[in-house]
Amino acid sequence: PPPRTMWMRPTCACPPVLTGSSLLPAAIARSWATCPSFSTVYFLFIIFVASTVFHCHWRLAVVPGPWAYSGRVVLLPRSLPRGGMFTINAQGRLGNQMGEYATLYALAKMNGRPAFIPAEMHSTLAPIFRISLPVLHHAAAGRIPWRNYPLNDWMEDRHRHIPGEYVRLTGYPCSWTFYHHVRDEIRREFTLHDHVREEAQRALGWFRARHRAPVFVVTSNGMAWCRENIDASRGDVVFAGNGLQGSPAKDFALLTQCNHSVITVGTFGIWAAYLAGGDTIYLANFTLPHSPFRWIFKPQAAFLPEWMGIAADLGQARENSSLHSSANAPEIPSLMAHRLEIRPLSHRHRK
């Protein structure tokens, strides 16, 4: 017989030829053969959802939001008290805002009005203290017809009857004369959070382990100046502060856990001494006799009567003032260049 050619081979040896009508069913069949089953897809979806929820929960627990600390937030004007309310401008750093908070707390209570703090003040104080005043959101605050009420830094009789419904206190009030009659309540408002107090106690434990006699703990926003000018040769002075104005919580917590206080100038030291209790020594008459600063500052309103003042040496300041006057330059208040707090720490620490 003649040899077999490729044209004479059986058709079964060749791949099947698919027509247009059979292409789609074949593709579907191959897809089902390679894709996972429905139960597998469902199982993977459940794992994905569970892991996402766990991750989000962990992130929210670790990274606190802006309202993670106590404080009721008022968002809309319709939820405001009908009888009016008090608030205050949030100005300055930690010590200033503590004074503003305490003044608002006391004057609002004295006038029988509810008090609300700005969101900026809540952001400054709430991470450190267990404050309780509700927060007025800026969106609501901007739509309220406020009546500004300026304050000097001392209590006056007129503050007992402040007119107006929606009153916003202004200025830099910090005087104890505003709030000393409710001192126990103010001290509760400025109770440290547990984690802040624990950090301060660990720091004090470190000092106690290394010093048998009383220890003077120094914090300042000018630590280089302190190391140069404070005699630490006896071994009872510890320069503990980090001097960071942007994060003062650790320095402040450390100071409030000590027994007594030595302060210079500034609301930071005044508040640390006020909350710590014990004996306090402060820098007295640190302004020149004719300084304009005396117009707005009364030492008797800033320092408690039982605190002890030591006179400042104004010799160099007077010389500088004479030079300025001879040059027809305006006089500036003679204030110390660095805030300084020295806190003695004894063995029997006050709880």
C-alpha atoms as a PDB file:
ATOM      1  CA  PRO A   1       0.000   0.000   0.000  1.00  0.00           C
ATOM      2  CA  PRO A   2       1.125   3.558  -0.510  1.00  0.00           C
ATOM      3  CA  PRO A   3       2.824   5.238   2.484  1.00  0.00           C
ATOM      4  CA  ARG A   4       0.637   7.059   4.925  1.00  0.00           C
ATOM      5  CA  THR A   5       0.823  10.820   4.763  1.00  0.00           C
ATOM      6  CA  MET A   6      -0.014  13.374   7.414  1.00  0.00           C
ATOM      7  CA  TRP A   7      -3.238  14.038   5.650  1.00  0.00           C
ATOM      8  CA  MET A   8      -4.264  10.462   6.154  1.00  0.00           C
ATOM      9  CA  ARG A   9      -3.721  10.417  10.011  1.00  0.00           C
ATOM     10  CA  PRO A  10      -6.773   9.998  12.254  1.00  0.00           C
ATOM     11  CA  THR A  11      -8.402  13.191  13.424  1.00  0.00           C
ATOM     12  CA  CYS A  12      -8.245  12.037  17.032  1.00  0.00           C
ATOM     13  CA  ALA A  13      -4.526  12.791  17.065  1.00  0.00           C
ATOM     14  CA  CYS A  14      -5.128  16.472  16.378  1.00  0.00           C
ATOM     15  CA  PRO A  15      -6.378  19.041  18.945  1.00  0.00           C
ATOM     16  CA  PRO A  16     -10.065  19.744  18.667  1.00  0.00           C
ATOM     17  CA  VAL A  17     -11.148  22.763  16.741  1.00  0.00           C
ATOM     18  CA  LEU A  18     -13.564  24.935  18.763  1.00  0.00           C
ATOM     19  CA  THR A  19     -16.211  26.919  17.076  1.00  0.00           C
ATOM     20  CA  GLY A  20     -17.508  30.255  18.347  1.00  0.00           C
ATOM     21  CA  SER A  21     -20.458  28.688  20.134  1.00  0.00           C
ATOM     22  CA  SER A  22     -18.224  26.394  22.209  1.00  0.00           C
ATOM     23  CA  LEU A  23     -15.498  28.909  23.258  1.00  0.00           C
ATOM     24  CA  LEU A  24     -17.427  30.448  26.208  1.00  0.00           C
ATOM     25  CA  PRO A  25     -18.407  27.170  27.934  1.00  0.00           C
ATOM     26  CA  ALA A  26     -14.836  25.955  27.641  1.00  0.00           C
ATOM     27  CA  ALA A  27     -13.437  29.153  29.211  1.00  0.00           C
ATOM     28  CA  ILE A  28     -15.899  28.888  32.090  1.00  0.00           C
ATOM     29  CA  ALA A  29     -14.931  25.306  32.681  1.00  0.00           C
ATOM     30  CA  ARG A  30     -11.224  26.171  32.833  1.00  0.00           C
ATOM     31  CA  SER A  31     -11.977  29.088  35.234  1.00  0.00           C
ATOM     32  CA  TRP A  32     -13.847  26.858  37.685  1.00  0.00           C
ATOM     33  CA  ALA A  33     -11.030  24.392  37.525  1.00  0.00           C
ATOM     34  CA  THR A  34      -8.369  26.975  38.534  1.00  0.00           C
ATOM     35  CA  CYS A  35     -10.320  29.310  40.967  1.00  0.00           C
ATOM     36  CA  PRO A  36     -10.675  28.486  44.708  1.00  0.00           C
ATOM     37  CA  SER A  37     -13.961  27.283  46.020  1.00  0.00           C
ATOM     38  CA  PHE A  38     -16.597  29.581  47.505  1.00  0.00           C
ATOM     39  CA  SER A  39     -15.915  28.294  51.010  1.00  0.00           C
ATOM     40  CA  THR A  40     -12.231  29.195  50.628  1.00  0.00           C
ATOM     41  CA  VAL A  41     -13.051  32.744  49.494  1.00  0.00           C
ATOM     42  CA  TYR A  42     -15.491  33.184  52.385  1.00  0.00           C
ATOM     43  CA  PHE A  43     -12.906  31.965  54.887  1.00  0.00           C
ATOM     44  CA  LEU A  44     -10.250  34.385  53.581  1.00  0.00           C
ATOM     45  CA  PHE A  45     -12.736  37.274  53.723  1.00  0.00           C
ATOM     46  CA  ILE A  46     -13.526  36.537  57.375  1.00  0.00           C
ATOM     47  CA  ILE A  47      -9.797  36.495  58.211  1.00  0.00           C
ATOM     48  CA  PHE A  48      -9.303  39.856  56.450  1.00  0.00           C
ATOM     49  CA  VAL A  49     -12.191  41.534  58.292  1.00  0.00           C
ATOM     50  CA  ALA A  50     -11.076  40.196  61.673  1.00  0.00           C
ATOM     51  CA  SER A  51      -7.481  41.331  61.209  1.00  0.00           C
ATOM     52  CA  THR A  52      -8.610  44.798  60.077  1.00  0.00           C
ATOM     53  CA  VAL A  53     -10.867  45.253  63.107  1.00  0.00           C
ATOM     54  CA  PHE A  54      -8.112  44.095  65.474  1.00  0.00           C
ATOM     55  CA  HIS A  55      -5.563  46.444  63.903  1.00  0.00           C
ATOM     56  CA  CYS A  56      -7.880  49.466  64.083  1.00  0.00           C
ATOM     57  CA  HIS A  57      -8.780  48.703  67.703  1.00  0.00           C
ATOM     58  CA  TRP A  58      -5.106  48.455  68.640  1.00  0.00           C
ATOM     59  CA  ARG A  59      -4.253  51.737  66.912  1.00  0.00           C
ATOM     60  CA  LEU A  60      -7.089  53.575  68.636  1.00  0.00           C
ATOM     61  CA  ALA A  61      -5.967  52.229  72.000  1.00  0.00           C
ATOM     62  CA  VAL A  62      -2.325  53.202  71.501  1.00  0.00           C
ATOM     63  CA  VAL A  63      -2.729  56.583  69.800  1.00  0.00           C
ATOM     64  CA  PRO A  64      -5.195  58.780  71.740  1.00  0.00           C
ATOM     65  CA  GLY A  65      -7.372  61.123  69.771  1.00  0.00           C
ATOM     66  CA  PRO A  66      -7.839  64.811  70.535  1.00  0.00           C
ATOM     67  CA  TRP A  67     -10.722  64.035  72.909  1.00  0.00           C
ATOM     68  CA  ALA A  68      -9.194  60.929  74.512  1.00  0.00           C
ATOM     69  CA  TYR A  69      -9.213  62.599  77.927  1.00  0.00           C
ATOM     70  CA  SER A  70     -12.191  63.540  80.048  1.00  0.00           C
ATOM     71  CA  GLY A  71     -14.272  66.446  78.868  1.00  0.00           C
ATOM     72  CA  ARG A  72     -17.745  66.793  77.373  1.00  0.00           C
ATOM     73  CA  VAL A  73     -17.547  68.491  73.979  1.00  0.00           C
ATOM     74  CA  VAL A  74     -20.300  70.914  72.948  1.00  0.00           C
ATOM     75  CA  LEU A  75     -20.544  71.136  69.183  1.00  0.00           C
ATOM     76  CA  LEU A  76     -23.729  73.027  68.311  1.00  0.00           C
ATOM     77  CA  PRO A  77     -25.114  76.315  69.664  1.00  0.00           C
ATOM     78  CA  ARG A  78     -28.548  74.760  70.256  1.00  0.00           C
ATOM     79  CA  SER A  79     -27.053  72.586  72.997  1.00  0.00           C
ATOM     80  CA  LEU A  80     -25.702  75.570  74.955  1.00  0.00           C
ATOM     81  CA  PRO A  81     -27.241  76.586  78.295  1.00  0.00           C
ATOM     82  CA  ARG A  82     -30.131  79.018  77.892  1.00  0.00           C
ATOM     83  CA  GLY A  83     -29.128  81.097  80.901  1.00  0.00           C
ATOM     84  CA  GLY A  84     -25.717  81.946  79.494  1.00  0.00           C
ATOM     85  CA  MET A  85     -22.225  80.677  80.126  1.00  0.00           C
ATOM     86  CA  PHE A  86     -18.642  81.696  80.876  1.00  0.00           C
ATOM     87  CA  THR A  87     -15.499  80.895  78.925  1.00  0.00           C
ATOM     88  CA  ILE A  88     -11.986  82.343  78.755  1.00  0.00           C
ATOM     89  CA  ASN A  89      -9.250  83.007  76.228  1.00  0.00           C
ATOM     90  CA  ALA A  90      -6.547  80.327  76.124  1.00  0.00           C
ATOM     91  CA  GLN A  91      -3.249  82.219  76.071  1.00  0.00           C
ATOM     92  CA  GLY A  92       0.316  81.452  77.031  1.00  0.00           C
ATOM     93  CA  ARG A  93       1.965  78.200  78.037  1.00  0.00           C
ATOM     94  CA  LEU A  94       1.150  75.699  80.768  1.00  0.00           C
ATOM     95  CA  GLY A  95       1.345  77.977  83.819  1.00  0.00           C
ATOM     96  CA  ASN A  96      -0.707  80.736  82.187  1.00  0.00           C
ATOM     97  CA  GLN A  97      -3.426  78.346  81.074  1.00  0.00           C
ATOM     98  CA  MET A  98      -3.603  76.760  84.521  1.00  0.00           C
ATOM     99  CA  GLY A  99      -4.235  80.225  85.952  1.00  0.00           C
ATOM    100  CA  GLU A 100      -6.858  80.947  83.312  1.00  0.00           C
ATOM    101  CA  TYR A 101      -8.604  77.629  83.976  1.00  0.00           C
ATOM    102  CA  ALA A 102      -8.677  78.142  87.751  1.00  0.00           C
ATOM    103  CA  THR A 103      -9.921  81.729  87.376  1.00  0.00           C
ATOM    104  CA  LEU A 104     -12.698  80.671  85.003  1.00  0.00           C
ATOM    105  CA  TYR A 105     -13.685  77.830  87.338  1.00  0.00           C
ATOM    106  CA  ALA A 106     -13.910  80.124  90.372  1.00  0.00           C
ATOM    107  CA  LEU A 107     -15.571  83.165  88.772  1.00  0.00           C
ATOM    108  CA  ALA A 108     -18.181  81.099  86.922  1.00  0.00           C
ATOM    109  CA  LYS A 109     -19.078  79.331  90.150  1.00  0.00           C
ATOM    110  CA  MET A 110     -19.189  82.652  92.028  1.00  0.00           C
ATOM    111  CA  ASN A 111     -21.578  84.110  89.417  1.00  0.00           C
ATOM    112  CA  GLY A 112     -23.744  81.003  89.146  1.00  0.00           C
ATOM    113  CA  ARG A 113     -22.932  80.275  85.501  1.00  0.00           C
ATOM    114  CA  PRO A 114     -21.683  77.114  83.800  1.00  0.00           C
ATOM    115  CA  ALA A 115     -18.095  77.270  82.560  1.00  0.00           C
ATOM    116  CA  PHE A 116     -16.723  75.916  79.280  1.00  0.00           C
ATOM    117  CA  ILE A 117     -13.084  75.850  78.196  1.00  0.00           C
ATOM    118  CA  PRO A 118     -11.730  76.328  74.660  1.00  0.00           C
ATOM    119  CA  ALA A 119     -10.502  73.298  72.765  1.00  0.00           C
ATOM    120  CA  GLU A 120      -6.930  74.657  72.822  1.00  0.00           C
ATOM    121  CA  MET A 121      -6.947  74.765  76.625  1.00  0.00           C
ATOM    122  CA  HIS A 122      -8.265  71.219  76.788  1.00  0.00           C
ATOM    123  CA  SER A 123      -5.438  70.074  74.515  1.00  0.00           C
ATOM    124  CA  THR A 124      -2.870  71.696  76.834  1.00  0.00           C
ATOM    125  CA  LEU A 125      -4.211  70.632  80.227  1.00  0.00           C
ATOM    126  CA  ALA A 126      -6.116  67.376  79.734  1.00  0.00           C
ATOM    127  CA  PRO A 127      -3.086  65.186  78.896  1.00  0.00           C
ATOM    128  CA  ILE A 128      -1.560  66.146  82.280  1.00  0.00           C
ATOM    129  CA  PHE A 129      -4.456  66.802  84.672  1.00  0.00           C
ATOM    130  CA  ARG A 130      -7.877  65.332  85.414  1.00  0.00           C
ATOM    131  CA  ILE A 131      -9.778  68.494  84.584  1.00  0.00           C
ATOM    132  CA  SER A 132     -13.577  68.329  84.517  1.00  0.00           C
ATOM    133  CA  LEU A 133     -14.891  71.458  82.775  1.00  0.00           C
ATOM    134  CA  PRO A 134     -16.651  70.722  79.469  1.00  0.00           C
ATOM    135  CA  VAL A 135     -15.066  71.737  76.175  1.00  0.00           C
ATOM    136  CA  LEU A 136     -16.624  74.278  73.826  1.00  0.00           C
ATOM    137  CA  HIS A 137     -15.765  73.349  70.255  1.00  0.00           C
ATOM    138  CA  HIS A 138     -14.442  76.211  68.147  1.00  0.00           C
ATOM    139  CA  ALA A 139     -17.277  75.737  65.633  1.00  0.00           C
ATOM    140  CA  ALA A 140     -19.797  76.551  68.363  1.00  0.00           C
ATOM    141  CA  ALA A 141     -17.677  79.237  70.024  1.00  0.00           C
ATOM    142  CA  GLY A 142     -17.432  81.192  66.782  1.00  0.00           C
ATOM    143  CA  ARG A 143     -21.234  81.527  66.515  1.00  0.00           C
ATOM    144  CA  ILE A 144     -21.900  82.840  70.022  1.00  0.00           C
ATOM    145  CA  PRO A 145     -22.344  86.591  70.703  1.00  0.00           C
ATOM    146  CA  TRP A 146     -19.624  86.858  73.342  1.00  0.00           C
ATOM    147  CA  ARG A 147     -19.178  89.814  75.675  1.00  0.00           C
ATOM    148  CA  ASN A 148     -15.484  90.202  76.465  1.00  0.00           C
ATOM    149  CA  TYR A 149     -14.723  90.906  80.111  1.00  0.00           C
ATOM    150  CA  PRO A 150     -11.092  91.963  80.754  1.00  0.00           C
ATOM    151  CA  LEU A 151      -9.389  90.921  83.986  1.00  0.00           C
ATOM    152  CA  ASN A 152      -6.429  92.273  85.874  1.00  0.00           C
ATOM    153  CA  ASP A 153      -4.303  89.740  87.711  1.00  0.00           C
ATOM    154  CA  TRP A 154      -6.070  90.189  91.049  1.00  0.00           C
ATOM    155  CA  MET A 155      -9.571  89.744  92.394  1.00  0.00           C
ATOM    156  CA  GLU A 156     -11.893  92.759  92.554  1.00  0.00           C
ATOM    157  CA  ASP A 157     -15.371  93.157  94.057  1.00  0.00           C
ATOM    158  CA  ARG A 158     -16.899  93.838  90.647  1.00  0.00           C
ATOM    159  CA  HIS A 159     -16.030  90.292  89.566  1.00  0.00           C
ATOM    160  CA  ARG A 160     -18.664  88.923  91.964  1.00  0.00           C
ATOM    161  CA  HIS A 161     -21.437  90.254  89.706  1.00  0.00           C
ATOM    162  CA  ILE A 162     -20.249  90.064  86.109  1.00  0.00           C
ATOM    163  CA  PRO A 163     -22.963  91.300  83.706  1.00  0.00           C
ATOM    164  CA  GLY A 164     -23.954  89.596  80.469  1.00  0.00           C
ATOM    165  CA  GLU A 165     -25.106  86.147  79.426  1.00  0.00           C
ATOM    166  CA  TYR A 166     -22.288  84.828  77.258  1.00  0.00           C
ATOM    167  CA  VAL A 167     -19.138  86.157  78.898  1.00  0.00           C
ATOM    168  CA  ARG A 168     -15.596  85.549  77.685  1.00  0.00           C
ATOM    169  CA  LEU A 169     -12.924  86.407  80.255  1.00  0.00           C
ATOM    170  CA  THR A 170      -9.763  87.930  78.804  1.00  0.00           C
ATOM    171  CA  GLY A 171      -6.286  88.714  80.082  1.00  0.00           C
ATOM    172  CA  TYR A 172      -3.667  86.594  81.858  1.00  0.00           C
ATOM    173  CA  PRO A 173      -5.239  85.930  85.281  1.00  0.00           C
ATOM    174  CA  CYS A 174      -3.230  83.685  87.580  1.00  0.00           C
ATOM    175  CA  SER A 175      -3.604  85.251  91.029  1.00  0.00           C
ATOM    176  CA  TRP A 176      -4.543  83.055  93.963  1.00  0.00           C
ATOM    177  CA  THR A 177      -7.014  85.785  94.982  1.00  0.00           C
ATOM    178  CA  PHE A 178      -9.425  84.519  92.308  1.00  0.00           C
ATOM    179  CA  TYR A 179      -9.608  80.888  93.397  1.00  0.00           C
ATOM    180  CA  HIS A 180      -8.000  80.341  96.811  1.00  0.00           C
ATOM    181  CA  HIS A 181     -11.422  80.089  98.480  1.00  0.00           C
ATOM    182  CA  VAL A 182     -12.005  76.895  96.446  1.00  0.00           C
ATOM    183  CA  ARG A 183      -8.425  75.628  96.758  1.00  0.00           C
ATOM    184  CA  ASP A 184      -9.419  72.018  97.454  1.00  0.00           C
ATOM    185  CA  GLU A 185     -11.499  71.930  94.271  1.00  0.00           C
ATOM    186  CA  ILE A 186      -8.697  73.501  92.223  1.00  0.00           C
ATOM    187  CA  ARG A 187      -6.212  70.954  93.559  1.00  0.00           C
ATOM    188  CA  ARG A 188      -8.600  68.172  92.516  1.00  0.00           C
ATOM    189  CA  GLU A 189      -8.919  69.697  89.049  1.00  0.00           C
ATOM    190  CA  PHE A 190      -5.131  69.676  88.735  1.00  0.00           C
ATOM    191  CA  THR A 191      -4.666  66.112  89.930  1.00  0.00           C
ATOM    192  CA  LEU A 192      -2.049  64.414  87.787  1.00  0.00           C
ATOM    193  CA  HIS A 193      -2.978  61.448  85.642  1.00  0.00           C
ATOM    194  CA  ASP A 194      -1.701  58.161  87.055  1.00  0.00           C
ATOM    195  CA  HIS A 195       0.943  57.658  84.384  1.00  0.00           C
ATOM    196  CA  VAL A 196       2.313  61.188  84.912  1.00  0.00           C
ATOM    197  CA  ARG A 197       2.513  60.718  88.686  1.00  0.00           C
ATOM    198  CA  GLU A 198       4.140  57.305  88.326  1.00  0.00           C
ATOM    199  CA  GLU A 199       6.876  58.757  86.128  1.00  0.00           C
ATOM    200  CA  ALA A 200       7.545  61.472  88.709  1.00  0.00           C
ATOM    201  CA  GLN A 201       7.657  58.934  91.531  1.00  0.00           C
ATOM    202  CA  ARG A 202      10.176  56.812  89.638  1.00  0.00           C
ATOM    203  CA  ALA A 203      12.354  59.875  89.182  1.00  0.00           C
ATOM    204  CA  LEU A 204      12.147  60.707  92.889  1.00  0.00           C
ATOM    205  CA  GLY A 205      13.004  57.117  93.758  1.00  0.00           C
ATOM    206  CA  TRP A 206      16.129  57.442  91.664  1.00  0.00           C
ATOM    207  CA  PHE A 207      17.158  60.530  93.665  1.00  0.00           C
ATOM    208  CA  ARG A 208      16.401  58.930  97.048  1.00  0.00           C
ATOM    209  CA  ALA A 209      18.528  55.913  96.197  1.00  0.00           C
ATOM    210  CA  ARG A 210      21.551  58.133  95.634  1.00  0.00           C
ATOM    211  CA  HIS A 211      21.161  60.807  98.325  1.00  0.00           C
ATOM    212  CA  ARG A 212      20.676  60.221 102.067  1.00  0.00           C
ATOM    213  CA  ALA A 213      20.198  63.889 102.975  1.00  0.00           C
ATOM    214  CA  PRO A 214      17.564  66.217 101.485  1.00  0.00           C
ATOM    215  CA  VAL A 215      17.922  66.690  97.754  1.00  0.00           C
ATOM    216  CA  PHE A 216      17.400  69.905  95.797  1.00  0.00           C
ATOM    217  CA  VAL A 217      15.829  69.089  92.427  1.00  0.00           C
ATOM    218  CA  VAL A 218      16.460  71.817  89.838  1.00  0.00           C
ATOM    219  CA  THR A 219      14.304  72.360  86.752  1.00  0.00           C
ATOM    220  CA  SER A 220      14.498  75.334  84.420  1.00  0.00           C
ATOM    221  CA  ASN A 221      14.173  76.452  80.819  1.00  0.00           C
ATOM    222  CA  GLY A 222      17.825  77.515  81.073  1.00  0.00           C
ATOM    223  CA  MET A 223      19.647  74.503  82.503  1.00  0.00           C
ATOM    224  CA  ALA A 224      23.036  75.685  81.224  1.00  0.00           C
ATOM    225  CA  TRP A 225      22.662  78.877  83.279  1.00  0.00           C
ATOM    226  CA  CYS A 226      21.663  76.825  86.337  1.00  0.00           C
ATOM    227  CA  ARG A 227      24.688  74.524  86.095  1.00  0.00           C
ATOM    228  CA  GLU A 228      26.968  77.540  85.856  1.00  0.00           C
ATOM    229  CA  ASN A 229      25.462  79.576  88.708  1.00  0.00           C
ATOM    230  CA  ILE A 230      24.168  77.057  91.277  1.00  0.00           C
ATOM    231  CA  ASP A 231      26.710  75.527  93.661  1.00  0.00           C
ATOM    232  CA  ALA A 232      26.323  71.742  93.528  1.00  0.00           C
ATOM    233  CA  SER A 233      29.632  70.917  95.237  1.00  0.00           C
ATOM    234  CA  ARG A 234      27.948  69.451  98.342  1.00  0.00           C
ATOM    235  CA  GLY A 235      26.295  66.732  96.316  1.00  0.00           C
ATOM    236  CA  ASP A 236      22.739  67.632  97.334  1.00  0.00           C
ATOM    237  CA  VAL A 237      21.740  69.418  94.099  1.00  0.00           C
ATOM    238  CA  VAL A 238      20.432  67.447  91.130  1.00  0.00           C
ATOM    239  CA  PHE A 239      19.810  69.092  87.761  1.00  0.00           C
ATOM    240  CA  ALA A 240      16.800  67.041  86.741  1.00  0.00           C
ATOM    241  CA  GLY A 241      14.788  69.190  84.356  1.00  0.00           C
ATOM    242  CA  ASN A 242      14.861  68.763  80.610  1.00  0.00           C
ATOM    243  CA  GLY A 243      14.032  72.442  80.045  1.00  0.00           C
ATOM    244  CA  LEU A 244      11.672  71.736  77.137  1.00  0.00           C
ATOM    245  CA  GLN A 245       8.999  74.431  77.023  1.00  0.00           C
ATOM    246  CA  GLY A 246       7.019  72.484  74.448  1.00  0.00           C
ATOM    247  CA  SER A 247       6.610  69.447  76.758  1.00  0.00           C
ATOM    248  CA  PRO A 248       6.631  70.686  80.366  1.00  0.00           C
ATOM    249  CA  ALA A 249       4.601  67.843  81.895  1.00  0.00           C
ATOM    250  CA  LYS A 250       7.538  65.804  83.252  1.00  0.00           C
ATOM    251  CA  ASP A 251       9.256  68.768  84.895  1.00  0.00           C
ATOM    252  CA  PHE A 252       5.977  69.990  86.375  1.00  0.00           C
ATOM    253  CA  ALA A 253       4.996  66.570  87.699  1.00  0.00           C
ATOM    254  CA  LEU A 254       8.404  66.166  89.308  1.00  0.00           C
ATOM    255  CA  LEU A 255       8.099  69.520  91.091  1.00  0.00           C
ATOM    256  CA  THR A 256       4.607  68.897  92.454  1.00  0.00           C
ATOM    257  CA  GLN A 257       5.733  65.632  94.071  1.00  0.00           C
ATOM    258  CA  CYS A 258       8.419  67.364  96.165  1.00  0.00           C
ATOM    259  CA  ASN A 259       7.932  68.721  99.684  1.00  0.00           C
ATOM    260  CA  HIS A 260       8.951  72.390  99.449  1.00  0.00           C
ATOM    261  CA  SER A 261       9.690  74.984  96.789  1.00  0.00           C
ATOM    262  CA  VAL A 262      12.207  77.649  95.837  1.00  0.00           C
ATOM    263  CA  ILE A 263      10.924  79.602  92.826  1.00  0.00           C
ATOM    264  CA  THR A 264      11.945  82.676  90.881  1.00  0.00           C
ATOM    265  CA  VAL A 265       9.682  84.322  88.295  1.00  0.00           C
ATOM    266  CA  GLY A 266       6.833  82.849  86.296  1.00  0.00           C
ATOM    267  CA  THR A 267       3.493  81.098  86.570  1.00  0.00           C
ATOM    268  CA  PHE A 268       5.103  77.679  86.053  1.00  0.00           C
ATOM    269  CA  GLY A 269       6.912  77.844  89.396  1.00  0.00           C
ATOM    270  CA  ILE A 270       4.003  79.538  91.162  1.00  0.00           C
ATOM    271  CA  TRP A 271       1.632  76.736  90.215  1.00  0.00           C
ATOM    272  CA  ALA A 272       4.116  73.998  91.101  1.00  0.00           C
ATOM    273  CA  ALA A 273       4.537  75.505  94.568  1.00  0.00           C
ATOM    274  CA  TYR A 274       0.787  76.049  94.974  1.00  0.00           C
ATOM    275  CA  LEU A 275       0.002  72.395  94.264  1.00  0.00           C
ATOM    276  CA  ALA A 276       2.951  70.959  96.193  1.00  0.00           C
ATOM    277  CA  GLY A 277       2.228  72.783  99.443  1.00  0.00           C
ATOM    278  CA  GLY A 278       4.913  72.919 102.108  1.00  0.00           C
ATOM    279  CA  ASP A 279       7.219  75.912 102.496  1.00  0.00           C
ATOM    280  CA  THR A 280       7.855  78.194  99.532  1.00  0.00           C
ATOM    281  CA  ILE A 281      10.610  80.764  99.035  1.00  0.00           C
ATOM    282  CA  TYR A 282      10.229  83.167  96.124  1.00  0.00           C
ATOM    283  CA  LEU A 283      12.146  86.041  94.562  1.00  0.00           C
ATOM    284  CA  ALA A 284      10.710  89.328  95.848  1.00  0.00           C
ATOM    285  CA  ASN A 285      10.920  92.913  94.498  1.00  0.00           C
ATOM    286  CA  PHE A 286      12.442  91.802  91.213  1.00  0.00           C
ATOM    287  CA  THR A 287      11.212  94.905  89.366  1.00  0.00           C
ATOM    288  CA  LEU A 288      12.708  98.379  89.439  1.00  0.00           C
ATOM    289  CA  PRO A 289      10.804 101.021  91.457  1.00  0.00           C
ATOM    290  CA  HIS A 290       9.472 102.829  88.370  1.00  0.00           C
ATOM    291  CA  SER A 291       9.013  99.824  86.107  1.00  0.00           C
ATOM    292  CA  PRO A 292       5.794  99.785  84.013  1.00  0.00           C
ATOM    293  CA  PHE A 293       5.463  96.127  84.996  1.00  0.00           C
ATOM    294  CA  ARG A 294       4.273  97.306  88.415  1.00  0.00           C
ATOM    295  CA  TRP A 295       1.126  98.675  86.783  1.00  0.00           C
ATOM    296  CA  ILE A 296      -0.126  95.197  85.958  1.00  0.00           C
ATOM    297  CA  PHE A 297       1.632  93.063  88.581  1.00  0.00           C
ATOM    298  CA  LYS A 298       0.936  92.997  92.315  1.00  0.00           C
ATOM    299  CA  PRO A 299       3.274  90.709  94.282  1.00  0.00           C
ATOM    300  CA  GLN A 300       0.733  90.345  97.090  1.00  0.00           C
ATOM    301  CA  ALA A 301      -1.731  88.934  94.556  1.00  0.00           C
ATOM    302  CA  ALA A 302       0.791  86.546  93.007  1.00  0.00           C
ATOM    303  CA  PHE A 303       2.406  85.005  96.101  1.00  0.00           C
ATOM    304  CA  LEU A 304       0.552  83.522  99.061  1.00  0.00           C
ATOM    305  CA  PRO A 305       0.926  85.431 102.363  1.00  0.00           C
ATOM    306  CA  GLU A 306       2.606  82.470 104.068  1.00  0.00           C
ATOM    307  CA  TRP A 307       5.304  82.229 101.398  1.00  0.00           C
ATOM    308  CA  MET A 308       8.679  83.778 102.183  1.00  0.00           C
ATOM    309  CA  GLY A 309      10.224  86.315  99.810  1.00  0.00           C
ATOM    310  CA  ILE A 310      13.930  87.016  99.450  1.00  0.00           C
ATOM    311  CA  ALA A 311      15.048  90.334  97.986  1.00  0.00           C
ATOM    312  CA  ALA A 312      16.592  90.377  94.534  1.00  0.00           C
ATOM    313  CA  ASP A 313      19.867  92.174  93.835  1.00  0.00           C
ATOM    314  CA  LEU A 314      18.877  94.945  91.420  1.00  0.00           C
ATOM    315  CA  GLY A 315      22.297  96.606  91.257  1.00  0.00           C
ATOM    316  CA  GLN A 316      23.099  95.472  87.734  1.00  0.00           C
ATOM    317  CA  ALA A 317      19.535  96.190  86.630  1.00  0.00           C
ATOM    318  CA  ARG A 318      19.781  99.778  87.914  1.00  0.00           C
ATOM    319  CA  GLU A 319      23.023 100.296  86.008  1.00  0.00           C
ATOM    320  CA  ASN A 320      21.417  98.989  82.831  1.00  0.00           C
ATOM    321  CA  SER A 321      18.378 101.180  83.444  1.00  0.00           C
ATOM    322  CA  SER A 322      20.597 104.264  83.804  1.00  0.00           C
ATOM    323  CA  LEU A 323      22.271 103.483  80.497  1.00  0.00           C
ATOM    324  CA  HIS A 324      18.891 103.095  78.803  1.00  0.00           C
ATOM    325  CA  SER A 325      17.631 106.348  80.303  1.00  0.00           C
ATOM    326  CA  SER A 326      20.694 108.283  79.190  1.00  0.00           C
ATOM    327  CA  ALA A 327      20.090 107.034  75.673  1.00  0.00           C
ATOM    328  CA  ASN A 328      16.389 108.013  75.887  1.00  0.00           C
ATOM    329  CA  ALA A 329      15.443 104.374  75.545  1.00  0.00           C
ATOM    330  CA  PRO A 330      12.205 103.135  77.125  1.00  0.00           C
ATOM    331  CA  GLU A 331      12.621 101.262  80.381  1.00  0.00           C
ATOM    332  CA  ILE A 332      11.829  97.582  80.328  1.00  0.00           C
ATOM    333  CA  PRO A 333      10.931  95.495  83.369  1.00  0.00           C
ATOM    334  CA  SER A 334      13.918  93.936  85.079  1.00  0.00           C
ATOM    335  CA  LEU A 335      13.032  90.251  85.114  1.00  0.00           C
ATOM    336  CA  MET A 336      15.337  87.306  85.539  1.00  0.00           C
ATOM    337  CA  ALA A 337      16.416  85.795  82.272  1.00  0.00           C
ATOM    338  CA  HIS A 338      15.684  82.227  83.284  1.00  0.00           C
ATOM    339  CA  ARG A 339      12.812  80.551  85.038  1.00  0.00           C
ATOM    340  CA  LEU A 340      14.217  78.442  87.847  1.00  0.00           C
ATOM    341  CA  GLU A 341      12.661  76.072  90.333  1.00  0.00           C
ATOM    342  CA  ILE A 342      14.666  74.364  93.088  1.00  0.00           C
ATOM    343  CA  ARG A 343      12.743  71.792  95.085  1.00  0.00           C
ATOM    344  CA  PRO A 344      14.072  70.193  98.304  1.00  0.00           C
ATOM    345  CA  LEU A 345      13.216  66.501  98.508  1.00  0.00           C
ATOM    346  CA  SER A 346      13.317  64.970 101.985  1.00  0.00           C
ATOM    347  CA  HIS A 347      13.259  61.338 103.120  1.00  0.00           C
ATOM    348  CA  ARG A 348       9.701  61.433 104.413  1.00  0.00           C
ATOM    349  CA  HIS A 349       7.950  62.431 101.256  1.00  0.00           C
ATOM    350  CA  ARG A 350       4.538  63.985 101.653  1.00  0.00           C
ATOM    351  CA  LYS A 351       1.813  61.917  99.991  1.00  0.00           C
END
